[in-house]
Amino acid sequence: MAVGNDEQRVVVTGMGTVNALAADTGQFSGALRRGDCGIGPISLFDTATFRTHNGAEVKHFLPRAAIPAEFSLKRMSRSDVFALAAALQALSQAGLHPIPEDLRDEMGVVIGGGAGGLLEAEDFFQDYLRRGGQKARFSRLAPVCCASTANHLVTKLGLMGPKMTLMTACSSGATAVGVGRDLIRSGAARAMIAGGTEPLCRMTFASFNALKAVDPEYCRPFSGNRAGLTLGEAAGILVLESLAGARERGAPILAEVLGYGVTCDSHHMTAPDVGASGAVRAMRAALTDAGLGPEAVDYINAHGTATPPNDLMETRAIKEVFGPRAWGIPVSSTKSMHGHTLGASGALEAVVSVLAITEGFIPPTIHCETRDPECDLDYVTTGARSVAPEVVLSNSFAFGGNNTTVIFGRFREEGVRHE
């Protein structure tokens, strides 16, 4: 790998998450190791009229236990609150809570998402109709926009660097991590809060049910009897800094963002290109950006939605990119545990990727019950493996053909080594 100067190398110094398995990264790591399942009946709204009733809902998160009273939660959506809690975890781990005054104007936020405050908007209009339009508090619609999350984060944290909201469907969170890295490398920021957040809501649930893309029980990535995805909700946040900045602060360095690739299928709004051209190009672009060859990758965190066409497409793409070595690389889909969190999924799985590096394990793909002869890679189906990967490649392949691959590596002074 060609290693640039310390200003060009971007590292992860903090992480945070709220998801159906856990309310912080420590709990999340344990749940991943055990192969816990966060999928069950949805309680946020009535699912009686839908085909399916299960989801990966955040059920044991107490906002005021996670967010200090100094931060008002007024006019914040469920999605906003998840992101704030995850951001505070990440900042605390990075040693940046509170954020130093001299960093505030050079630290920014880039958040991927989708539904934003749609759950609150649905609740508002149900109440509006029930009351016949009387005593409507339209201020309750303030957080409906997906951009609300980034707005709340910069305001509450006093940040004045770049602020962006990205919506590239299920690759939004991963793309946010890549863009955050670019902003640091370009000199536009010294540090970035980067990630994604997504709530469950009726409209999203109805849409995926209408597409018949949801498994009635739980998702089974790469399994021969897979029948669709399981919707989930989460926030995943990383603190990114230049290596120079992290060293100057004496910050903990969890991993390095080695590279990323973004492509478009230009094929179909909801179906992946069965030829896998976009996925192949995204992975190859990420490897090129990282200055690595296929032989350097030790673990692939798959998009792995458990829809029949997506899992087959991703398997084909991995085979094309990695050739004969594809069968020797551990692959897993943690969506089998925390569900498909849409706009947050790439960021949540970035947290998974860094945990794999820092804690020395590869999480399993649970519920893989039967073999699909066309999905024949090493999908890690019999429990977590005690393996310490040096380089992790994480895929996010979204509706609309929005593909993003991010590569993380164990931090080494000399950079990642070719074997």
Protein backbone atom coordinates (compact mmCIF):
# COMPACT_ATOMS: atom_id res chain seq x y z
CA MET A 1 0.00 0.00 0.00
CA ALA A 2 1.19 3.48 -0.84
CA VAL A 3 1.03 5.31 2.47
CA GLY A 4 0.59 9.07 2.28
CA ASN A 5 1.43 11.60 4.96
CA ASP A 6 -0.36 11.70 8.28
CA GLU A 7 -2.82 14.34 7.03
CA GLN A 8 -3.93 12.00 4.24
CA ARG A 9 -4.44 8.94 6.40
CA VAL A 10 -7.85 8.87 8.09
CA VAL A 11 -8.47 6.82 11.21
CA VAL A 12 -11.42 5.83 13.38
CA THR A 13 -11.06 7.08 16.94
CA GLY A 14 -14.57 6.45 18.28
CA MET A 15 -17.72 4.45 17.57
CA GLY A 16 -21.29 4.37 18.81
CA THR A 17 -24.47 2.50 18.03
CA VAL A 18 -28.06 1.95 19.04
CA ASN A 19 -29.72 -1.06 17.43
CA ALA A 20 -32.07 -3.98 18.09
CA LEU A 21 -29.27 -5.98 19.71
CA ALA A 22 -27.69 -3.35 21.91
CA ALA A 23 -27.66 0.22 23.20
CA ASP A 24 -23.89 0.65 22.88
CA THR A 25 -20.88 -0.86 21.14
CA GLY A 26 -19.81 -2.98 24.11
CA GLN A 27 -23.18 -4.71 24.29
CA PHE A 28 -23.21 -4.94 20.50
CA SER A 29 -19.87 -6.74 20.39
CA GLY A 30 -21.09 -9.33 22.88
CA ALA A 31 -24.33 -9.88 20.98
CA LEU A 32 -22.46 -10.37 17.71
CA ARG A 33 -20.09 -12.89 19.28
CA ARG A 34 -23.00 -14.88 20.72
CA GLY A 35 -25.01 -14.77 17.50
CA ASP A 36 -28.00 -13.13 19.20
CA CYS A 37 -31.13 -12.39 17.20
CA GLY A 38 -32.81 -9.00 17.58
CA ILE A 39 -35.78 -9.88 15.37
CA GLY A 40 -39.28 -10.21 16.83
CA PRO A 41 -42.82 -8.80 16.76
CA ILE A 42 -43.01 -5.06 16.10
CA SER A 43 -44.62 -2.98 18.87
CA LEU A 44 -44.03 0.56 17.54
CA PHE A 45 -47.18 0.47 15.40
CA ASP A 46 -50.01 -1.90 14.54
CA THR A 47 -48.97 -4.45 11.91
CA ALA A 48 -52.28 -6.32 11.76
CA THR A 49 -53.01 -5.25 8.18
CA PHE A 50 -49.57 -6.20 6.85
CA ARG A 51 -48.38 -9.51 5.42
CA THR A 52 -45.62 -9.71 8.03
CA HIS A 53 -45.30 -8.62 11.63
CA ASN A 54 -41.65 -9.01 12.63
CA GLY A 55 -38.78 -6.57 12.59
CA ALA A 56 -35.53 -5.70 14.34
CA GLU A 57 -36.98 -3.02 16.63
CA VAL A 58 -34.98 -1.12 19.26
CA LYS A 59 -36.93 -2.03 22.39
CA HIS A 60 -34.64 -1.57 25.39
CA PHE A 61 -33.19 1.87 24.70
CA LEU A 62 -33.87 4.60 27.27
CA PRO A 63 -32.99 7.99 25.75
CA ARG A 64 -32.45 9.74 29.05
CA ALA A 65 -30.17 6.98 30.27
CA ALA A 66 -27.99 7.48 27.21
CA ILE A 67 -28.22 11.24 26.65
CA PRO A 68 -27.38 13.75 29.42
CA ALA A 69 -30.09 16.19 30.49
CA GLU A 70 -28.06 19.10 29.07
CA PHE A 71 -29.20 17.96 25.62
CA SER A 72 -32.83 18.80 24.98
CA LEU A 73 -34.76 16.15 23.05
CA LYS A 74 -37.52 18.56 22.08
CA ARG A 75 -38.61 18.27 18.45
CA MET A 76 -36.27 15.36 17.85
CA SER A 77 -37.45 12.26 16.02
CA ARG A 78 -36.73 8.70 17.10
CA SER A 79 -34.11 8.62 14.36
CA ASP A 80 -32.50 11.85 15.62
CA VAL A 81 -32.33 10.55 19.18
CA PHE A 82 -30.70 7.29 18.09
CA ALA A 83 -28.04 9.26 16.22
CA LEU A 84 -27.36 11.67 19.10
CA ALA A 85 -26.94 8.80 21.55
CA ALA A 86 -24.59 6.96 19.17
CA ALA A 87 -22.62 10.15 18.45
CA LEU A 88 -22.11 10.84 22.16
CA GLN A 89 -20.82 7.28 22.64
CA ALA A 90 -18.40 7.73 19.75
CA LEU A 91 -17.18 11.12 20.95
CA SER A 92 -16.67 9.79 24.46
CA GLN A 93 -14.56 6.90 23.20
CA ALA A 94 -12.56 9.30 21.03
CA GLY A 95 -11.89 11.57 24.01
CA LEU A 96 -13.85 14.38 22.38
CA HIS A 97 -16.73 14.86 24.80
CA PRO A 98 -16.94 17.74 25.34
CA ILE A 99 -15.52 18.79 22.00
CA PRO A 100 -12.58 21.21 22.41
CA GLU A 101 -13.34 24.78 21.38
CA ASP A 102 -10.44 24.90 18.94
CA LEU A 103 -11.84 21.91 17.03
CA ARG A 104 -15.46 23.01 16.70
CA ASP A 105 -15.07 25.07 13.53
CA GLU A 106 -13.11 22.28 11.81
CA MET A 107 -15.29 19.34 12.80
CA GLY A 108 -18.37 18.42 10.78
CA VAL A 109 -21.16 15.91 10.38
CA VAL A 110 -22.17 13.68 7.47
CA ILE A 111 -25.17 11.45 8.06
CA GLY A 112 -26.86 8.91 5.83
CA GLY A 113 -30.51 8.09 6.27
CA GLY A 114 -33.88 7.62 4.67
CA ALA A 115 -37.13 7.79 6.64
CA GLY A 116 -35.98 10.54 9.02
CA GLY A 117 -38.91 11.61 11.18
CA LEU A 118 -41.56 9.78 9.16
CA LEU A 119 -42.73 7.75 12.17
CA GLU A 120 -43.53 10.97 14.03
CA ALA A 121 -45.27 12.38 10.94
CA GLU A 122 -47.44 9.26 10.72
CA ASP A 123 -48.35 9.58 14.40
CA PHE A 124 -49.15 13.26 13.90
CA PHE A 125 -51.52 12.68 10.99
CA GLN A 126 -53.26 9.81 12.75
CA ASP A 127 -53.88 12.17 15.66
CA TYR A 128 -54.86 14.99 13.28
CA LEU A 129 -57.51 12.86 11.61
CA ARG A 130 -58.77 11.50 14.92
CA ARG A 131 -59.25 15.05 16.20
CA GLY A 132 -60.84 16.22 12.98
CA GLY A 133 -58.04 18.71 12.46
CA GLN A 134 -58.64 20.41 15.80
CA LYS A 135 -55.78 21.54 18.06
CA ALA A 136 -53.15 20.30 15.63
CA ARG A 137 -49.58 21.01 16.76
CA PHE A 138 -47.79 21.30 13.45
CA SER A 139 -44.49 21.84 15.26
CA ARG A 140 -44.52 18.07 15.76
CA LEU A 141 -43.60 17.82 12.06
CA ALA A 142 -40.34 19.71 12.57
CA PRO A 143 -38.12 16.60 12.53
CA VAL A 144 -39.79 14.93 9.53
CA CYS A 145 -36.98 15.81 7.12
CA CYS A 146 -34.07 13.37 6.96
CA ALA A 147 -31.69 16.34 7.25
CA SER A 148 -33.03 16.98 10.76
CA THR A 149 -30.47 14.59 12.26
CA ALA A 150 -27.39 16.41 10.98
CA ASN A 151 -29.00 19.72 11.95
CA HIS A 152 -29.54 18.56 15.53
CA LEU A 153 -26.04 17.14 15.86
CA VAL A 154 -24.21 20.27 14.74
CA THR A 155 -26.45 22.52 16.83
CA LYS A 156 -26.29 20.50 20.03
CA LEU A 157 -22.56 19.81 19.73
CA GLY A 158 -21.64 23.33 18.58
CA LEU A 159 -19.95 22.19 15.36
CA MET A 160 -19.26 24.57 12.48
CA GLY A 161 -17.49 22.37 9.94
CA PRO A 162 -19.09 20.70 6.90
CA LYS A 163 -22.64 19.42 7.37
CA MET A 164 -24.19 16.95 4.93
CA THR A 165 -27.10 14.53 4.70
CA LEU A 166 -26.88 11.69 2.19
CA MET A 167 -29.75 9.59 0.87
CA THR A 168 -28.54 6.79 -1.37
CA ALA A 169 -31.00 4.23 -0.01
CA CYS A 170 -29.35 1.28 1.75
CA SER A 171 -25.82 2.49 1.02
CA SER A 172 -26.32 5.90 2.66
CA GLY A 173 -24.45 5.15 5.89
CA ALA A 174 -21.49 3.60 4.09
CA THR A 175 -21.31 6.49 1.63
CA ALA A 176 -21.32 8.92 4.56
CA VAL A 177 -18.22 7.23 5.98
CA GLY A 178 -16.45 7.54 2.62
CA VAL A 179 -17.44 11.18 2.17
CA GLY A 180 -16.34 11.95 5.74
CA ARG A 181 -12.94 10.50 4.93
CA ASP A 182 -12.71 12.59 1.76
CA LEU A 183 -13.55 15.81 3.61
CA ILE A 184 -10.69 15.19 6.02
CA ARG A 185 -8.23 14.25 3.29
CA SER A 186 -9.13 17.35 1.28
CA GLY A 187 -8.46 19.60 4.28
CA ALA A 188 -12.09 20.70 4.55
CA ALA A 189 -12.28 19.26 8.08
CA ARG A 190 -9.96 18.00 10.79
CA ALA A 191 -12.52 15.54 12.13
CA MET A 192 -15.95 14.25 11.14
CA ILE A 193 -18.88 12.56 12.79
CA ALA A 194 -19.93 10.13 10.07
CA GLY A 195 -22.58 7.43 9.95
CA GLY A 196 -26.25 6.74 9.47
CA THR A 197 -29.57 6.48 11.27
CA GLU A 198 -32.93 4.94 10.37
CA PRO A 199 -36.21 4.31 12.22
CA LEU A 200 -38.89 1.75 11.58
CA CYS A 201 -42.11 3.33 10.33
CA ARG A 202 -45.38 2.30 8.75
CA MET A 203 -44.62 3.58 5.26
CA THR A 204 -41.32 1.73 4.99
CA PHE A 205 -42.90 -1.43 6.39
CA ALA A 206 -45.84 -1.15 3.99
CA SER A 207 -43.57 -0.56 1.00
CA PHE A 208 -41.39 -3.61 1.57
CA ASN A 209 -44.46 -5.72 2.29
CA ALA A 210 -45.99 -4.55 -0.98
CA LEU A 211 -42.81 -5.61 -2.78
CA LYS A 212 -43.09 -9.01 -1.04
CA ALA A 213 -39.44 -8.59 -0.11
CA VAL A 214 -39.87 -9.33 3.62
CA ASP A 215 -39.53 -12.73 5.29
CA PRO A 216 -42.55 -13.40 7.56
CA GLU A 217 -40.30 -14.88 10.26
CA TYR A 218 -36.66 -13.71 10.11
CA CYS A 219 -34.14 -13.20 7.36
CA ARG A 220 -31.87 -16.08 6.33
CA PRO A 221 -28.96 -14.62 4.36
CA PHE A 222 -27.41 -16.98 1.80
CA SER A 223 -29.65 -19.85 2.95
CA GLY A 224 -31.32 -22.02 0.34
CA ASN A 225 -34.71 -21.30 1.92
CA ARG A 226 -34.22 -17.52 2.21
CA ALA A 227 -37.44 -15.61 1.61
CA GLY A 228 -36.59 -11.95 1.99
CA LEU A 229 -35.15 -9.38 4.34
CA THR A 230 -36.11 -8.28 7.84
CA LEU A 231 -36.48 -4.54 8.36
CA GLY A 232 -34.68 -3.01 11.30
CA GLU A 233 -33.79 0.31 12.85
CA ALA A 234 -30.49 1.64 14.20
CA ALA A 235 -27.86 4.33 14.29
CA GLY A 236 -24.19 3.73 13.68
CA ILE A 237 -21.67 6.55 14.13
CA LEU A 238 -17.90 6.80 13.66
CA VAL A 239 -15.56 9.60 14.66
CA LEU A 240 -13.04 10.06 11.85
CA GLU A 241 -9.83 12.09 12.14
CA SER A 242 -6.65 12.58 10.22
CA LEU A 243 -3.85 10.48 11.63
CA ALA A 244 -1.94 13.67 12.36
CA GLY A 245 -4.83 15.07 14.39
CA ALA A 246 -5.37 11.83 16.28
CA ARG A 247 -1.67 11.62 17.13
CA GLU A 248 -1.57 15.23 18.29
CA ARG A 249 -4.42 14.53 20.72
CA GLY A 250 -3.10 11.16 21.82
CA ALA A 251 -6.41 9.68 20.71
CA PRO A 252 -7.15 5.95 20.60
CA ILE A 253 -6.82 4.64 17.06
CA LEU A 254 -9.29 1.82 16.44
CA ALA A 255 -8.75 1.28 12.73
CA GLU A 256 -7.92 3.07 9.50
CA VAL A 257 -10.32 3.87 6.65
CA LEU A 258 -8.22 2.53 3.81
CA GLY A 259 -10.49 3.24 0.87
CA TYR A 260 -13.98 3.17 -0.60
CA GLY A 261 -15.70 2.83 -3.94
CA VAL A 262 -19.06 4.11 -5.21
CA THR A 263 -20.81 2.94 -8.38
CA CYS A 264 -24.25 2.81 -9.96
CA ASP A 265 -25.88 -0.18 -11.68
CA SER A 266 -28.07 1.99 -13.94
CA HIS A 267 -30.34 -1.04 -14.09
CA HIS A 268 -33.55 -1.05 -11.98
CA MET A 269 -35.08 0.80 -9.05
CA THR A 270 -35.42 -2.23 -6.78
CA ALA A 271 -33.76 -5.23 -8.43
CA PRO A 272 -29.99 -5.72 -8.47
CA ASP A 273 -28.15 -6.23 -11.73
CA VAL A 274 -27.87 -10.03 -11.85
CA GLY A 275 -24.63 -9.62 -13.77
CA ALA A 276 -23.22 -7.91 -10.65
CA SER A 277 -21.31 -5.32 -12.66
CA GLY A 278 -21.97 -2.45 -10.22
CA ALA A 279 -21.01 -4.51 -7.17
CA VAL A 280 -17.85 -5.73 -8.87
CA ARG A 281 -16.84 -2.21 -9.84
CA ALA A 282 -17.54 -0.90 -6.31
CA MET A 283 -15.30 -3.51 -4.69
CA ARG A 284 -12.56 -3.01 -7.25
CA ALA A 285 -12.76 0.76 -6.88
CA ALA A 286 -12.41 0.44 -3.11
CA LEU A 287 -9.39 -1.84 -3.46
CA THR A 288 -7.80 0.57 -5.93
CA ASP A 289 -8.48 3.53 -3.62
CA ALA A 290 -6.89 1.61 -0.75
CA GLY A 291 -3.90 0.62 -2.87
CA LEU A 292 -4.57 -3.04 -2.13
CA GLY A 293 -4.91 -6.21 -4.13
CA PRO A 294 -7.65 -8.82 -3.57
CA GLU A 295 -5.18 -10.96 -1.63
CA ALA A 296 -5.12 -8.39 1.21
CA VAL A 297 -8.75 -8.86 2.33
CA ASP A 298 -9.27 -11.11 5.37
CA TYR A 299 -13.04 -10.77 5.93
CA ILE A 300 -16.01 -9.55 3.90
CA ASN A 301 -18.96 -8.04 5.75
CA ALA A 302 -21.58 -8.73 3.12
CA HIS A 303 -24.62 -6.68 2.22
CA GLY A 304 -26.41 -10.03 2.56
CA THR A 305 -30.07 -8.98 2.67
CA ALA A 306 -31.47 -12.54 2.29
CA THR A 307 -33.49 -11.69 -0.79
CA PRO A 308 -32.91 -14.44 -3.35
CA PRO A 309 -31.54 -12.18 -6.13
CA ASN A 310 -29.31 -9.99 -3.92
CA ASP A 311 -27.48 -12.82 -2.18
CA LEU A 312 -26.86 -14.57 -5.47
CA MET A 313 -25.64 -11.34 -7.10
CA GLU A 314 -23.27 -10.56 -4.24
CA THR A 315 -21.87 -14.09 -4.28
CA ARG A 316 -21.18 -13.79 -8.00
CA ALA A 317 -19.54 -10.40 -7.49
CA ILE A 318 -17.21 -11.72 -4.77
CA LYS A 319 -16.18 -14.60 -7.01
CA GLU A 320 -15.42 -12.26 -9.90
CA VAL A 321 -13.38 -9.83 -7.78
CA PHE A 322 -11.45 -12.39 -5.73
CA GLY A 323 -11.21 -15.28 -8.19
CA PRO A 324 -10.18 -18.68 -6.73
CA ARG A 325 -9.43 -17.02 -3.39
CA ALA A 326 -13.13 -16.13 -2.94
CA TRP A 327 -13.85 -19.53 -1.37
CA GLY A 328 -11.16 -18.96 1.27
CA ILE A 329 -12.36 -15.57 2.58
CA PRO A 330 -14.81 -15.60 5.52
CA VAL A 331 -18.05 -13.81 4.59
CA SER A 332 -20.92 -12.98 6.90
CA SER A 333 -24.13 -10.99 6.97
CA THR A 334 -24.86 -9.52 10.37
CA LYS A 335 -28.28 -8.43 9.07
CA SER A 336 -29.32 -11.91 10.19
CA MET A 337 -29.02 -10.56 13.74
CA HIS A 338 -29.81 -6.81 13.61
CA GLY A 339 -32.00 -6.71 10.52
CA HIS A 340 -31.67 -4.52 7.47
CA THR A 341 -31.46 -0.99 8.81
CA LEU A 342 -31.61 0.64 5.37
CA GLY A 343 -29.98 4.09 5.47
CA ALA A 344 -28.09 3.16 8.64
CA SER A 345 -26.99 -0.29 7.52
CA GLY A 346 -23.64 0.63 5.96
CA ALA A 347 -22.68 2.67 9.03
CA LEU A 348 -23.83 -0.01 11.46
CA GLU A 349 -21.82 -2.58 9.52
CA ALA A 350 -18.84 -0.22 9.56
CA VAL A 351 -19.04 -0.52 13.36
CA VAL A 352 -19.18 -4.31 12.94
CA SER A 353 -16.12 -4.20 10.67
CA VAL A 354 -14.06 -2.16 13.13
CA LEU A 355 -15.14 -4.39 16.03
CA ALA A 356 -13.94 -7.41 14.04
CA ILE A 357 -10.51 -5.76 13.73
CA THR A 358 -10.19 -4.41 17.26
CA GLU A 359 -11.64 -7.40 19.12
CA GLY A 360 -10.36 -10.22 16.93
CA PHE A 361 -13.48 -12.08 15.83
CA ILE A 362 -15.62 -12.63 12.75
CA PRO A 363 -19.35 -12.51 13.50
CA PRO A 364 -21.61 -15.27 12.23
CA THR A 365 -24.45 -15.42 9.74
CA ILE A 366 -27.28 -16.92 11.77
CA HIS A 367 -30.41 -18.62 10.37
CA CYS A 368 -28.49 -20.06 7.39
CA GLU A 369 -30.42 -23.32 7.54
CA THR A 370 -29.97 -25.00 4.15
CA ARG A 371 -27.39 -24.72 1.42
CA ASP A 372 -27.99 -22.92 -1.85
CA PRO A 373 -25.69 -24.56 -4.40
CA GLU A 374 -25.13 -21.18 -6.06
CA CYS A 375 -24.26 -19.50 -2.75
CA ASP A 376 -21.25 -21.63 -1.92
CA LEU A 377 -18.76 -19.34 -0.19
CA ASP A 378 -17.59 -19.48 3.44
CA TYR A 379 -20.51 -17.64 5.05
CA VAL A 380 -19.48 -18.32 8.71
CA THR A 381 -22.68 -20.10 9.72
CA THR A 382 -21.61 -22.04 12.81
CA GLY A 383 -20.84 -19.28 15.29
CA ALA A 384 -18.33 -16.46 15.60
CA ARG A 385 -14.70 -17.23 14.71
CA SER A 386 -11.76 -16.14 16.80
CA VAL A 387 -9.84 -14.66 13.90
CA ALA A 388 -8.19 -11.24 13.92
CA PRO A 389 -8.62 -9.77 10.43
CA GLU A 390 -6.15 -7.15 9.25
CA VAL A 391 -8.34 -5.86 6.41
CA VAL A 392 -12.16 -5.90 6.27
CA LEU A 393 -14.21 -5.10 3.19
CA SER A 394 -17.81 -4.01 3.85
CA ASN A 395 -20.44 -3.97 1.09
CA SER A 396 -23.63 -1.91 0.81
CA PHE A 397 -25.71 -2.44 -2.34
CA ALA A 398 -28.86 -0.32 -2.44
CA PHE A 399 -32.10 0.21 -4.31
CA GLY A 400 -31.55 2.28 -7.41
CA GLY A 401 -28.26 0.47 -7.95
CA ASN A 402 -26.39 2.65 -5.44
CA ASN A 403 -23.33 0.60 -4.51
CA THR A 404 -20.72 1.48 -1.89
CA THR A 405 -17.82 -0.61 -0.60
CA VAL A 406 -15.69 0.61 2.31
CA ILE A 407 -12.40 -0.99 3.39
CA PHE A 408 -11.10 -0.79 6.96
CA GLY A 409 -7.71 -1.93 8.17
CA ARG A 410 -5.86 -2.51 11.41
CA PHE A 411 -3.77 0.59 12.06
CA ARG A 412 -0.08 0.12 11.39
CA GLU A 413 2.55 2.81 11.27
CA GLU A 414 3.80 1.52 7.93
CA GLY A 415 0.33 0.94 6.52
CA VAL A 416 -1.30 -2.32 5.56
CA ARG A 417 1.17 -4.91 4.39
CA HIS A 418 0.82 -7.17 1.38
CA GLU A 419 1.50 -10.78 2.32
